[in-house]
């Protein structure tokens, strides 16, 4: 067993340092994961969210091979797996009420040092509740979509998405495109996507959107022109404050706005609460994914009915992590970027 490994330490989007650190030691109830693929998430480049905890090793979409197990670990050895970085306790009041992503344990658990490293140590609770075998036909890079798709699945479940809904998705990055594909998979016929990036609007069409709109337009007017009414579901997949404000003018009476992404903490939204009260409009949020969402995402990906491979636009070894972050932060002509920490 090697004594050192490479890990990418995040300071900010323009300063990510690949350094050697000691190989973590696993205790009797832990396992060591050799990371084969790890996706860069849109949340990884949100500086107001990440910089306060820097420097740290990010990466929470890791798949790989279990290469070492503690003496008391009996169920795992050598498997190809996805490992969830956050797991709930299943015992607190939130978990008992089905609100697993509100669990304090879920918000404080993680593996070490992070998915942007060659190896990670998986703690006992993650071993118990957070390891999932990859189907034989699923590649490591396809497995990196389990966590983001689980978050999308949770959001659509909480928002009560129905297949006869007209859905407006604002933002067609990774989460927006996954929302398109999952809504289509679940039988939604009328999916509209808005974005400022023409390249990503073309991707939205490619992956199943019936209509695409330039976000600079008056979306409420363009929705009316395209469908004859506003959206039953508005899913906000960008943290731009303008998107959040736009969403409130695009929702149909009796409809729902799902804030899948939110603006930075300094932004205070002015909600037309009297109008929303009169028209029975629901606003709700969705954070992360619970184990049932991860199982749901794994089952859906295993069907092969979502076009995941085509979403991957770039692959980099860990030594080129800075370029991966640049492309992700710029949100230009790229979509999903995968790091392969053990590739040279």
C-alpha atoms as a PDB file:
ATOM      1  CA  UNK A   1       0.000   0.000   0.000  1.00  0.00           C
ATOM      2  CA  UNK A   2       1.377   3.398  -0.977  1.00  0.00           C
ATOM      3  CA  UNK A   3       2.000   5.816   1.874  1.00  0.00           C
ATOM      4  CA  UNK A   4       1.068   9.034   0.068  1.00  0.00           C
ATOM      5  CA  UNK A   5      -1.771  10.104  -2.171  1.00  0.00           C
ATOM      6  CA  UNK A   6      -2.639  13.111  -4.280  1.00  0.00           C
ATOM      7  CA  UNK A   7      -5.484  15.392  -3.200  1.00  0.00           C
ATOM      8  CA  UNK A   8      -6.775  18.659  -4.673  1.00  0.00           C
ATOM      9  CA  UNK A   9      -7.138  21.408  -2.048  1.00  0.00           C
ATOM     10  CA  UNK A  10      -9.663  24.092  -2.898  1.00  0.00           C
ATOM     11  CA  UNK A  11      -8.887  27.690  -1.886  1.00  0.00           C
ATOM     12  CA  UNK A  12     -11.068  29.400  -4.475  1.00  0.00           C
ATOM     13  CA  UNK A  13     -12.138  28.753  -8.049  1.00  0.00           C
ATOM     14  CA  UNK A  14      -8.806  30.019  -9.350  1.00  0.00           C
ATOM     15  CA  UNK A  15      -6.575  28.429  -6.730  1.00  0.00           C
ATOM     16  CA  UNK A  16      -6.726  24.658  -6.420  1.00  0.00           C
ATOM     17  CA  UNK A  17      -3.534  22.967  -5.272  1.00  0.00           C
ATOM     18  CA  UNK A  18      -2.764  19.305  -5.877  1.00  0.00           C
ATOM     19  CA  UNK A  19      -0.683  18.115  -2.956  1.00  0.00           C
ATOM     20  CA  UNK A  20       0.632  14.891  -1.497  1.00  0.00           C
ATOM     21  CA  UNK A  21      -0.855  13.876   1.833  1.00  0.00           C
ATOM     22  CA  UNK A  22      -0.502  10.723   3.944  1.00  0.00           C
ATOM     23  CA  UNK A  23      -2.698   7.783   3.039  1.00  0.00           C
ATOM     24  CA  UNK A  24      -5.549   7.701   5.589  1.00  0.00           C
ATOM     25  CA  UNK A  25      -5.624   4.728   7.926  1.00  0.00           C
ATOM     26  CA  UNK A  26      -8.897   2.859   8.328  1.00  0.00           C
ATOM     27  CA  UNK A  27     -10.022   1.550  11.671  1.00  0.00           C
ATOM     28  CA  UNK A  28     -11.815  -1.738  12.259  1.00  0.00           C
ATOM     29  CA  UNK A  29     -15.205  -0.457  11.041  1.00  0.00           C
ATOM     30  CA  UNK A  30     -14.080   1.682   8.091  1.00  0.00           C
ATOM     31  CA  UNK A  31     -13.086   1.090   4.480  1.00  0.00           C
ATOM     32  CA  UNK A  32     -10.696   2.680   1.988  1.00  0.00           C
ATOM     33  CA  UNK A  33     -12.004   3.644  -1.442  1.00  0.00           C
ATOM     34  CA  UNK A  34      -9.770   3.981  -4.475  1.00  0.00           C
ATOM     35  CA  UNK A  35     -11.462   6.824  -6.351  1.00  0.00           C
ATOM     36  CA  UNK A  36     -11.858   6.052 -10.052  1.00  0.00           C
ATOM     37  CA  UNK A  37     -14.165   8.920 -11.018  1.00  0.00           C
ATOM     38  CA  UNK A  38     -15.531  12.004  -9.301  1.00  0.00           C
ATOM     39  CA  UNK A  39     -17.766  14.623 -10.889  1.00  0.00           C
ATOM     40  CA  UNK A  40     -17.368  18.356 -10.398  1.00  0.00           C
ATOM     41  CA  UNK A  41     -20.702  19.631  -9.091  1.00  0.00           C
ATOM     42  CA  UNK A  42     -22.072  23.094  -9.788  1.00  0.00           C
ATOM     43  CA  UNK A  43     -22.063  23.670  -6.032  1.00  0.00           C
ATOM     44  CA  UNK A  44     -18.290  23.094  -5.983  1.00  0.00           C
ATOM     45  CA  UNK A  45     -17.742  26.414  -7.775  1.00  0.00           C
ATOM     46  CA  UNK A  46     -20.127  28.541  -5.677  1.00  0.00           C
ATOM     47  CA  UNK A  47     -17.514  30.611  -3.899  1.00  0.00           C
ATOM     48  CA  UNK A  48     -19.786  32.133  -1.243  1.00  0.00           C
ATOM     49  CA  UNK A  49     -20.594  28.555  -0.245  1.00  0.00           C
ATOM     50  CA  UNK A  50     -17.109  27.056  -0.495  1.00  0.00           C
ATOM     51  CA  UNK A  51     -14.519  29.698   0.424  1.00  0.00           C
ATOM     52  CA  UNK A  52     -15.546  30.068   4.109  1.00  0.00           C
ATOM     53  CA  UNK A  53     -14.527  26.437   4.675  1.00  0.00           C
ATOM     54  CA  UNK A  54     -11.384  26.548   2.528  1.00  0.00           C
ATOM     55  CA  UNK A  55      -8.841  25.113   2.214  1.00  0.00           C
ATOM     56  CA  UNK A  56     -10.445  21.713   1.860  1.00  0.00           C
ATOM     57  CA  UNK A  57     -10.696  18.774  -0.516  1.00  0.00           C
ATOM     58  CA  UNK A  58     -14.053  18.866  -2.277  1.00  0.00           C
ATOM     59  CA  UNK A  59     -15.745  16.142  -4.314  1.00  0.00           C
ATOM     60  CA  UNK A  60     -18.935  14.343  -3.287  1.00  0.00           C
ATOM     61  CA  UNK A  61     -19.834  12.293  -6.378  1.00  0.00           C
ATOM     62  CA  UNK A  62     -17.125   9.666  -6.018  1.00  0.00           C
ATOM     63  CA  UNK A  63     -17.153   6.132  -7.385  1.00  0.00           C
ATOM     64  CA  UNK A  64     -14.381   3.601  -7.089  1.00  0.00           C
ATOM     65  CA  UNK A  65     -13.160   0.298  -5.717  1.00  0.00           C
ATOM     66  CA  UNK A  66     -12.998  -0.744  -2.070  1.00  0.00           C
ATOM     67  CA  UNK A  67      -9.355  -1.697  -1.598  1.00  0.00           C
ATOM     68  CA  UNK A  68      -9.072  -2.086   2.168  1.00  0.00           C
ATOM     69  CA  UNK A  69     -11.506  -2.915   4.944  1.00  0.00           C
ATOM     70  CA  UNK A  70     -11.343  -2.875   8.722  1.00  0.00           C
ATOM     71  CA  UNK A  71     -11.393  -6.155  10.618  1.00  0.00           C
ATOM     72  CA  UNK A  72     -15.061  -5.800  11.579  1.00  0.00           C
ATOM     73  CA  UNK A  73     -16.300  -4.945   8.086  1.00  0.00           C
ATOM     74  CA  UNK A  74     -17.777  -8.115   6.589  1.00  0.00           C
ATOM     75  CA  UNK A  75     -19.895  -6.979   3.634  1.00  0.00           C
ATOM     76  CA  UNK A  76     -17.382  -5.141   1.482  1.00  0.00           C
ATOM     77  CA  UNK A  77     -14.133  -6.115  -0.236  1.00  0.00           C
ATOM     78  CA  UNK A  78     -13.075  -5.253  -3.752  1.00  0.00           C
ATOM     79  CA  UNK A  79     -16.497  -4.091  -4.984  1.00  0.00           C
ATOM     80  CA  UNK A  80     -17.160  -1.339  -7.514  1.00  0.00           C
ATOM     81  CA  UNK A  81     -19.259   1.197  -5.587  1.00  0.00           C
ATOM     82  CA  UNK A  82     -20.676   4.664  -5.215  1.00  0.00           C
ATOM     83  CA  UNK A  83     -20.232   6.139  -1.737  1.00  0.00           C
ATOM     84  CA  UNK A  84     -22.574   8.786  -0.365  1.00  0.00           C
ATOM     85  CA  UNK A  85     -20.702  11.554   1.439  1.00  0.00           C
ATOM     86  CA  UNK A  86     -23.672  12.591   3.646  1.00  0.00           C
ATOM     87  CA  UNK A  87     -25.802  10.058   5.516  1.00  0.00           C
ATOM     88  CA  UNK A  88     -28.591  10.550   8.090  1.00  0.00           C
ATOM     89  CA  UNK A  89     -28.776   8.947  11.504  1.00  0.00           C
ATOM     90  CA  UNK A  90     -32.245   7.385  10.924  1.00  0.00           C
ATOM     91  CA  UNK A  91     -32.984   7.967  14.623  1.00  0.00           C
ATOM     92  CA  UNK A  92     -33.634  11.685  15.184  1.00  0.00           C
ATOM     93  CA  UNK A  93     -37.006  13.398  14.987  1.00  0.00           C
ATOM     94  CA  UNK A  94     -36.319  14.643  11.454  1.00  0.00           C
ATOM     95  CA  UNK A  95     -35.449  11.165  10.203  1.00  0.00           C
ATOM     96  CA  UNK A  96     -38.463   9.634  11.937  1.00  0.00           C
ATOM     97  CA  UNK A  97     -40.668  12.159  10.135  1.00  0.00           C
ATOM     98  CA  UNK A  98     -39.077  11.371   6.753  1.00  0.00           C
ATOM     99  CA  UNK A  99     -37.073  14.611   6.593  1.00  0.00           C
ATOM    100  CA  UNK A 100     -33.690  12.923   6.313  1.00  0.00           C
ATOM    101  CA  UNK A 101     -31.915  15.879   4.705  1.00  0.00           C
ATOM    102  CA  UNK A 102     -32.810  18.009   7.746  1.00  0.00           C
ATOM    103  CA  UNK A 103     -30.899  15.556   9.969  1.00  0.00           C
ATOM    104  CA  UNK A 104     -27.946  17.092  11.833  1.00  0.00           C
ATOM    105  CA  UNK A 105     -25.902  13.954  11.221  1.00  0.00           C
ATOM    106  CA  UNK A 106     -26.447  14.203   7.463  1.00  0.00           C
ATOM    107  CA  UNK A 107     -25.128  17.769   7.510  1.00  0.00           C
ATOM    108  CA  UNK A 108     -21.997  16.823   9.440  1.00  0.00           C
ATOM    109  CA  UNK A 109     -20.955  13.439   8.025  1.00  0.00           C
ATOM    110  CA  UNK A 110     -18.421  13.138   5.202  1.00  0.00           C
ATOM    111  CA  UNK A 111     -15.638  10.941   3.934  1.00  0.00           C
ATOM    112  CA  UNK A 112     -11.960  11.954   4.177  1.00  0.00           C
ATOM    113  CA  UNK A 113     -10.342  13.865   2.614  1.00  0.00           C
ATOM    114  CA  UNK A 114     -12.903  14.290  -0.212  1.00  0.00           C
ATOM    115  CA  UNK A 115     -13.717  12.861  -3.620  1.00  0.00           C
ATOM    116  CA  UNK A 116     -11.023  14.906  -5.381  1.00  0.00           C
ATOM    117  CA  UNK A 117      -8.331  12.628  -4.024  1.00  0.00           C
ATOM    118  CA  UNK A 118      -6.896   9.296  -5.089  1.00  0.00           C
ATOM    119  CA  UNK A 119      -8.221   7.502  -2.002  1.00  0.00           C
ATOM    120  CA  UNK A 120     -10.827   8.299   0.632  1.00  0.00           C
ATOM    121  CA  UNK A 121     -11.440   6.864   4.059  1.00  0.00           C
ATOM    122  CA  UNK A 122     -15.105   5.996   4.551  1.00  0.00           C
ATOM    123  CA  UNK A 123     -16.247   6.331   8.197  1.00  0.00           C
ATOM    124  CA  UNK A 124     -18.323   3.718  10.006  1.00  0.00           C
ATOM    125  CA  UNK A 125     -21.703   5.433   9.574  1.00  0.00           C
ATOM    126  CA  UNK A 126     -21.101   5.918   5.836  1.00  0.00           C
ATOM    127  CA  UNK A 127     -20.083   2.273   5.555  1.00  0.00           C
ATOM    128  CA  UNK A 128     -23.323   1.308   7.267  1.00  0.00           C
ATOM    129  CA  UNK A 129     -25.688   3.610   5.364  1.00  0.00           C
ATOM    130  CA  UNK A 130     -23.880   5.081   2.362  1.00  0.00           C
ATOM    131  CA  UNK A 131     -22.254   2.442   0.128  1.00  0.00           C
ATOM    132  CA  UNK A 132     -24.038   1.249  -3.024  1.00  0.00           C
ATOM    133  CA  UNK A 133     -22.807  -1.409  -5.447  1.00  0.00           C
ATOM    134  CA  UNK A 134     -22.603  -0.326  -9.061  1.00  0.00           C
ATOM    135  CA  UNK A 135     -24.391  -2.587 -11.542  1.00  0.00           C
ATOM    136  CA  UNK A 136     -21.965  -4.507 -13.733  1.00  0.00           C
ATOM    137  CA  UNK A 137     -23.024  -2.549 -16.810  1.00  0.00           C
ATOM    138  CA  UNK A 138     -22.565   0.856 -15.139  1.00  0.00           C
ATOM    139  CA  UNK A 139     -19.200   2.559 -15.592  1.00  0.00           C
ATOM    140  CA  UNK A 140     -17.501   4.525 -12.827  1.00  0.00           C
ATOM    141  CA  UNK A 141     -18.166   7.807 -14.617  1.00  0.00           C
ATOM    142  CA  UNK A 142     -21.853   6.971 -15.086  1.00  0.00           C
ATOM    143  CA  UNK A 143     -21.970   6.210 -11.364  1.00  0.00           C
ATOM    144  CA  UNK A 144     -20.925   9.789 -10.580  1.00  0.00           C
ATOM    145  CA  UNK A 145     -24.430  10.822 -11.685  1.00  0.00           C
ATOM    146  CA  UNK A 146     -26.092   8.868  -8.859  1.00  0.00           C
ATOM    147  CA  UNK A 147     -25.839  11.689  -6.313  1.00  0.00           C
ATOM    148  CA  UNK A 148     -26.866  14.589  -8.593  1.00  0.00           C
ATOM    149  CA  UNK A 149     -29.746  12.582 -10.038  1.00  0.00           C
ATOM    150  CA  UNK A 150     -30.829  11.653  -6.507  1.00  0.00           C
ATOM    151  CA  UNK A 151     -30.999  15.350  -5.635  1.00  0.00           C
ATOM    152  CA  UNK A 152     -33.099  15.975  -8.753  1.00  0.00           C
ATOM    153  CA  UNK A 153     -35.361  13.027  -7.967  1.00  0.00           C
ATOM    154  CA  UNK A 154     -35.929  14.358  -4.461  1.00  0.00           C
ATOM    155  CA  UNK A 155     -36.749  17.821  -5.762  1.00  0.00           C
ATOM    156  CA  UNK A 156     -39.331  16.551  -8.232  1.00  0.00           C
ATOM    157  CA  UNK A 157     -40.871  14.299  -5.604  1.00  0.00           C
ATOM    158  CA  UNK A 158     -41.172  17.120  -3.079  1.00  0.00           C
ATOM    159  CA  UNK A 159     -42.621  19.506  -5.653  1.00  0.00           C
ATOM    160  CA  UNK A 160     -45.303  16.976  -6.570  1.00  0.00           C
ATOM    161  CA  UNK A 161     -44.417  16.926 -10.272  1.00  0.00           C
ATOM    162  CA  UNK A 162     -47.160  15.337 -12.410  1.00  0.00           C
ATOM    163  CA  UNK A 163     -46.892  14.141 -15.979  1.00  0.00           C
ATOM    164  CA  UNK A 164     -49.558  16.574 -17.187  1.00  0.00           C
ATOM    165  CA  UNK A 165     -47.689  19.574 -15.761  1.00  0.00           C
ATOM    166  CA  UNK A 166     -46.129  22.270 -17.885  1.00  0.00           C
ATOM    167  CA  UNK A 167     -42.628  22.601 -16.459  1.00  0.00           C
ATOM    168  CA  UNK A 168     -40.325  25.598 -16.786  1.00  0.00           C
ATOM    169  CA  UNK A 169     -36.702  24.897 -15.852  1.00  0.00           C
ATOM    170  CA  UNK A 170     -34.587  28.024 -15.410  1.00  0.00           C
ATOM    171  CA  UNK A 171     -30.935  27.139 -15.912  1.00  0.00           C
ATOM    172  CA  UNK A 172     -29.690  24.320 -18.126  1.00  0.00           C
ATOM    173  CA  UNK A 173     -26.489  23.273 -16.444  1.00  0.00           C
ATOM    174  CA  UNK A 174     -26.072  19.763 -15.066  1.00  0.00           C
ATOM    175  CA  UNK A 175     -29.017  19.956 -12.664  1.00  0.00           C
ATOM    176  CA  UNK A 176     -31.261  21.598 -15.250  1.00  0.00           C
ATOM    177  CA  UNK A 177     -30.512  18.942 -17.888  1.00  0.00           C
ATOM    178  CA  UNK A 178     -31.026  16.170 -15.328  1.00  0.00           C
ATOM    179  CA  UNK A 179     -34.383  17.728 -14.428  1.00  0.00           C
ATOM    180  CA  UNK A 180     -35.263  17.681 -18.144  1.00  0.00           C
ATOM    181  CA  UNK A 181     -34.289  14.051 -18.556  1.00  0.00           C
ATOM    182  CA  UNK A 182     -35.976  12.864 -15.371  1.00  0.00           C
ATOM    183  CA  UNK A 183     -39.192  14.764 -16.117  1.00  0.00           C
ATOM    184  CA  UNK A 184     -39.231  13.245 -19.594  1.00  0.00           C
ATOM    185  CA  UNK A 185     -38.571   9.782 -18.123  1.00  0.00           C
ATOM    186  CA  UNK A 186     -41.547  10.277 -15.809  1.00  0.00           C
ATOM    187  CA  UNK A 187     -43.843  11.134 -18.689  1.00  0.00           C
ATOM    188  CA  UNK A 188     -43.940  14.926 -18.641  1.00  0.00           C
ATOM    189  CA  UNK A 189     -44.814  16.126 -22.145  1.00  0.00           C
ATOM    190  CA  UNK A 190     -44.326  19.871 -21.902  1.00  0.00           C
ATOM    191  CA  UNK A 191     -40.839  20.828 -20.721  1.00  0.00           C
ATOM    192  CA  UNK A 192     -39.534  24.352 -21.310  1.00  0.00           C
ATOM    193  CA  UNK A 193     -35.981  25.452 -20.507  1.00  0.00           C
ATOM    194  CA  UNK A 194     -34.642  28.991 -20.157  1.00  0.00           C
ATOM    195  CA  UNK A 195     -30.978  29.969 -20.057  1.00  0.00           C
ATOM    196  CA  UNK A 196     -28.655  32.766 -21.167  1.00  0.00           C
ATOM    197  CA  UNK A 197     -26.220  30.356 -22.860  1.00  0.00           C
ATOM    198  CA  UNK A 198     -27.151  29.324 -26.458  1.00  0.00           C
ATOM    199  CA  UNK A 199     -24.917  26.235 -26.239  1.00  0.00           C
ATOM    200  CA  UNK A 200     -26.775  24.964 -23.203  1.00  0.00           C
ATOM    201  CA  UNK A 201     -30.157  25.736 -24.735  1.00  0.00           C
ATOM    202  CA  UNK A 202     -29.165  23.481 -27.622  1.00  0.00           C
ATOM    203  CA  UNK A 203     -28.249  20.799 -25.097  1.00  0.00           C
ATOM    204  CA  UNK A 204     -31.655  21.218 -23.446  1.00  0.00           C
ATOM    205  CA  UNK A 205     -33.323  20.507 -26.791  1.00  0.00           C
ATOM    206  CA  UNK A 206     -31.039  17.537 -27.371  1.00  0.00           C
ATOM    207  CA  UNK A 207     -31.942  16.003 -24.018  1.00  0.00           C
ATOM    208  CA  UNK A 208     -35.699  16.410 -24.268  1.00  0.00           C
ATOM    209  CA  UNK A 209     -36.970  19.975 -23.838  1.00  0.00           C
ATOM    210  CA  UNK A 210     -39.935  20.792 -26.071  1.00  0.00           C
ATOM    211  CA  UNK A 211     -39.223  24.532 -26.004  1.00  0.00           C
ATOM    212  CA  UNK A 212     -36.200  26.661 -25.133  1.00  0.00           C
ATOM    213  CA  UNK A 213     -36.283  30.348 -24.265  1.00  0.00           C
ATOM    214  CA  UNK A 214     -33.593  32.977 -23.911  1.00  0.00           C
ATOM    215  CA  UNK A 215     -33.602  33.980 -20.276  1.00  0.00           C
ATOM    216  CA  UNK A 216     -33.127  37.653 -21.159  1.00  0.00           C
ATOM    217  CA  UNK A 217     -36.639  37.692 -22.639  1.00  0.00           C
ATOM    218  CA  UNK A 218     -39.844  38.287 -20.693  1.00  0.00           C
ATOM    219  CA  UNK A 219     -40.332  34.636 -19.835  1.00  0.00           C
ATOM    220  CA  UNK A 220     -43.913  35.041 -18.640  1.00  0.00           C
ATOM    221  CA  UNK A 221     -44.899  36.469 -22.042  1.00  0.00           C
ATOM    222  CA  UNK A 222     -42.936  33.834 -23.967  1.00  0.00           C
ATOM    223  CA  UNK A 223     -44.503  31.066 -21.872  1.00  0.00           C
ATOM    224  CA  UNK A 224     -47.962  32.328 -22.743  1.00  0.00           C
ATOM    225  CA  UNK A 225     -47.015  32.420 -26.417  1.00  0.00           C
ATOM    226  CA  UNK A 226     -45.558  28.891 -26.357  1.00  0.00           C
ATOM    227  CA  UNK A 227     -48.205  27.140 -24.259  1.00  0.00           C
ATOM    228  CA  UNK A 228     -51.152  29.473 -23.750  1.00  0.00           C
ATOM    229  CA  UNK A 229     -50.554  29.656 -19.993  1.00  0.00           C
ATOM    230  CA  UNK A 230     -47.859  29.905 -17.337  1.00  0.00           C
ATOM    231  CA  UNK A 231     -45.951  26.984 -15.828  1.00  0.00           C
ATOM    232  CA  UNK A 232     -47.508  24.574 -13.345  1.00  0.00           C
ATOM    233  CA  UNK A 233     -43.992  23.877 -12.074  1.00  0.00           C
ATOM    234  CA  UNK A 234     -41.084  26.307 -12.159  1.00  0.00           C
ATOM    235  CA  UNK A 235     -37.763  24.706 -11.212  1.00  0.00           C
ATOM    236  CA  UNK A 236     -34.957  27.170 -10.474  1.00  0.00           C
ATOM    237  CA  UNK A 237     -31.567  25.610 -11.241  1.00  0.00           C
ATOM    238  CA  UNK A 238     -29.358  28.679 -11.037  1.00  0.00           C
ATOM    239  CA  UNK A 239     -28.380  30.835  -8.087  1.00  0.00           C
ATOM    240  CA  UNK A 240     -28.845  34.091  -9.987  1.00  0.00           C
ATOM    241  CA  UNK A 241     -31.161  36.397  -8.039  1.00  0.00           C
ATOM    242  CA  UNK A 242     -32.759  37.464 -11.314  1.00  0.00           C
ATOM    243  CA  UNK A 243     -33.801  33.856 -11.947  1.00  0.00           C
ATOM    244  CA  UNK A 244     -35.498  33.630  -8.559  1.00  0.00           C
ATOM    245  CA  UNK A 245     -37.426  36.827  -9.222  1.00  0.00           C
ATOM    246  CA  UNK A 246     -38.350  35.722 -12.742  1.00  0.00           C
ATOM    247  CA  UNK A 247     -39.676  32.411 -11.419  1.00  0.00           C
ATOM    248  CA  UNK A 248     -42.256  34.214  -9.293  1.00  0.00           C
ATOM    249  CA  UNK A 249     -43.768  35.775 -12.397  1.00  0.00           C
ATOM    250  CA  UNK A 250     -43.899  32.547 -14.379  1.00  0.00           C
ATOM    251  CA  UNK A 251     -45.931  30.248 -12.136  1.00  0.00           C
ATOM    252  CA  UNK A 252     -49.539  29.357 -12.918  1.00  0.00           C
ATOM    253  CA  UNK A 253     -52.355  29.636 -10.369  1.00  0.00           C
ATOM    254  CA  UNK A 254     -52.188  26.576  -8.143  1.00  0.00           C
ATOM    255  CA  UNK A 255     -48.616  25.956  -9.286  1.00  0.00           C
ATOM    256  CA  UNK A 256     -45.314  25.361  -7.518  1.00  0.00           C
ATOM    257  CA  UNK A 257     -41.912  27.034  -7.586  1.00  0.00           C
ATOM    258  CA  UNK A 258     -39.084  24.681  -6.607  1.00  0.00           C
ATOM    259  CA  UNK A 259     -35.900  26.438  -5.555  1.00  0.00           C
ATOM    260  CA  UNK A 260     -33.413  23.727  -6.445  1.00  0.00           C
ATOM    261  CA  UNK A 261     -30.706  26.412  -6.386  1.00  0.00           C
ATOM    262  CA  UNK A 262     -30.776  29.619  -4.364  1.00  0.00           C
ATOM    263  CA  UNK A 263     -29.044  33.025  -4.442  1.00  0.00           C
ATOM    264  CA  UNK A 264     -26.283  33.898  -2.005  1.00  0.00           C
ATOM    265  CA  UNK A 265     -27.266  34.666   1.604  1.00  0.00           C
ATOM    266  CA  UNK A 266     -27.137  38.431   1.113  1.00  0.00           C
ATOM    267  CA  UNK A 267     -30.082  38.322  -1.313  1.00  0.00           C
ATOM    268  CA  UNK A 268     -33.523  38.924   0.182  1.00  0.00           C
ATOM    269  CA  UNK A 269     -36.360  38.021  -2.169  1.00  0.00           C
ATOM    270  CA  UNK A 270     -39.487  40.127  -2.245  1.00  0.00           C
ATOM    271  CA  UNK A 271     -42.333  37.631  -2.453  1.00  0.00           C
ATOM    272  CA  UNK A 272     -45.748  38.824  -3.686  1.00  0.00           C
ATOM    273  CA  UNK A 273     -47.333  36.924  -0.831  1.00  0.00           C
ATOM    274  CA  UNK A 274     -50.823  38.393  -1.253  1.00  0.00           C
ATOM    275  CA  UNK A 275     -50.903  37.299  -4.885  1.00  0.00           C
ATOM    276  CA  UNK A 276     -49.512  33.877  -3.997  1.00  0.00           C
ATOM    277  CA  UNK A 277     -52.075  33.492  -1.203  1.00  0.00           C
ATOM    278  CA  UNK A 278     -54.943  34.402  -3.507  1.00  0.00           C
ATOM    279  CA  UNK A 279     -53.764  32.054  -6.246  1.00  0.00           C
ATOM    280  CA  UNK A 280     -52.619  29.225  -3.941  1.00  0.00           C
ATOM    281  CA  UNK A 281     -49.056  29.175  -5.219  1.00  0.00           C
ATOM    282  CA  UNK A 282     -46.544  26.974  -3.416  1.00  0.00           C
ATOM    283  CA  UNK A 283     -42.903  27.868  -2.909  1.00  0.00           C
ATOM    284  CA  UNK A 284     -40.588  25.168  -1.668  1.00  0.00           C
ATOM    285  CA  UNK A 285     -36.936  24.192  -1.504  1.00  0.00           C
ATOM    286  CA  UNK A 286     -35.037  20.959  -1.921  1.00  0.00           C
ATOM    287  CA  UNK A 287     -31.643  20.253  -0.404  1.00  0.00           C
ATOM    288  CA  UNK A 288     -29.461  17.241  -1.097  1.00  0.00           C
ATOM    289  CA  UNK A 289     -30.649  13.653  -1.226  1.00  0.00           C
ATOM    290  CA  UNK A 290     -31.761  11.017   1.241  1.00  0.00           C
ATOM    291  CA  UNK A 291     -30.962   7.295   0.962  1.00  0.00           C
ATOM    292  CA  UNK A 292     -34.334   6.537  -0.660  1.00  0.00           C
ATOM    293  CA  UNK A 293     -33.559   9.170  -3.315  1.00  0.00           C
ATOM    294  CA  UNK A 294     -30.165   7.600  -3.978  1.00  0.00           C
ATOM    295  CA  UNK A 295     -31.738   4.167  -4.402  1.00  0.00           C
ATOM    296  CA  UNK A 296     -34.309   5.676  -6.766  1.00  0.00           C
ATOM    297  CA  UNK A 297     -31.585   7.354  -8.841  1.00  0.00           C
ATOM    298  CA  UNK A 298     -29.516   4.175  -8.994  1.00  0.00           C
ATOM    299  CA  UNK A 299     -32.493   2.186 -10.242  1.00  0.00           C
ATOM    300  CA  UNK A 300     -33.331   4.798 -12.880  1.00  0.00           C
ATOM    301  CA  UNK A 301     -29.748   5.004 -14.139  1.00  0.00           C
ATOM    302  CA  UNK A 302     -29.589   1.211 -14.312  1.00  0.00           C
ATOM    303  CA  UNK A 303     -32.440   1.208 -16.845  1.00  0.00           C
ATOM    304  CA  UNK A 304     -30.213   3.010 -19.333  1.00  0.00           C
ATOM    305  CA  UNK A 305     -33.116   5.262 -20.345  1.00  0.00           C
ATOM    306  CA  UNK A 306     -31.367   8.486 -19.382  1.00  0.00           C
ATOM    307  CA  UNK A 307     -28.712   9.695 -21.800  1.00  0.00           C
ATOM    308  CA  UNK A 308     -25.950  10.142 -19.265  1.00  0.00           C
ATOM    309  CA  UNK A 309     -22.818   9.466 -21.294  1.00  0.00           C
ATOM    310  CA  UNK A 310     -23.582  12.277 -23.722  1.00  0.00           C
ATOM    311  CA  UNK A 311     -23.718  14.752 -20.832  1.00  0.00           C
ATOM    312  CA  UNK A 312     -20.015  14.250 -20.127  1.00  0.00           C
ATOM    313  CA  UNK A 313     -18.064  16.844 -22.104  1.00  0.00           C
ATOM    314  CA  UNK A 314     -14.650  16.672 -20.412  1.00  0.00           C
ATOM    315  CA  UNK A 315     -12.503  14.214 -18.468  1.00  0.00           C
ATOM    316  CA  UNK A 316      -9.324  15.193 -16.613  1.00  0.00           C
ATOM    317  CA  UNK A 317      -6.721  13.548 -14.378  1.00  0.00           C
ATOM    318  CA  UNK A 318      -6.473  15.046 -10.914  1.00  0.00           C
ATOM    319  CA  UNK A 319      -3.385  17.003 -11.910  1.00  0.00           C
ATOM    320  CA  UNK A 320      -5.589  19.045 -14.295  1.00  0.00           C
ATOM    321  CA  UNK A 321      -8.290  19.799 -11.729  1.00  0.00           C
ATOM    322  CA  UNK A 322      -7.804  23.552 -12.131  1.00  0.00           C
ATOM    323  CA  UNK A 323      -8.881  23.362 -15.776  1.00  0.00           C
ATOM    324  CA  UNK A 324     -11.927  21.349 -14.770  1.00  0.00           C
ATOM    325  CA  UNK A 325     -12.913  24.016 -12.257  1.00  0.00           C
ATOM    326  CA  UNK A 326     -12.329  26.787 -14.793  1.00  0.00           C
ATOM    327  CA  UNK A 327     -14.680  25.178 -17.290  1.00  0.00           C
ATOM    328  CA  UNK A 328     -17.303  24.469 -14.642  1.00  0.00           C
ATOM    329  CA  UNK A 329     -17.203  28.009 -13.243  1.00  0.00           C
ATOM    330  CA  UNK A 330     -17.341  29.625 -16.675  1.00  0.00           C
ATOM    331  CA  UNK A 331     -20.397  27.517 -17.631  1.00  0.00           C
ATOM    332  CA  UNK A 332     -19.606  28.008 -21.303  1.00  0.00           C
ATOM    333  CA  UNK A 333     -19.269  25.203 -23.837  1.00  0.00           C
ATOM    334  CA  UNK A 334     -19.127  22.427 -21.286  1.00  0.00           C
ATOM    335  CA  UNK A 335     -21.573  20.414 -19.226  1.00  0.00           C
ATOM    336  CA  UNK A 336     -20.421  17.553 -16.993  1.00  0.00           C
ATOM    337  CA  UNK A 337     -16.745  17.376 -16.092  1.00  0.00           C
ATOM    338  CA  UNK A 338     -15.300  14.213 -14.584  1.00  0.00           C
ATOM    339  CA  UNK A 339     -12.043  13.923 -12.662  1.00  0.00           C
ATOM    340  CA  UNK A 340     -10.205  10.602 -12.733  1.00  0.00           C
ATOM    341  CA  UNK A 341      -7.851  10.764  -9.735  1.00  0.00           C
ATOM    342  CA  UNK A 342      -6.018   7.544 -10.483  1.00  0.00           C
ATOM    343  CA  UNK A 343      -5.463   8.203 -14.183  1.00  0.00           C
ATOM    344  CA  UNK A 344      -2.124   9.633 -15.258  1.00  0.00           C
END
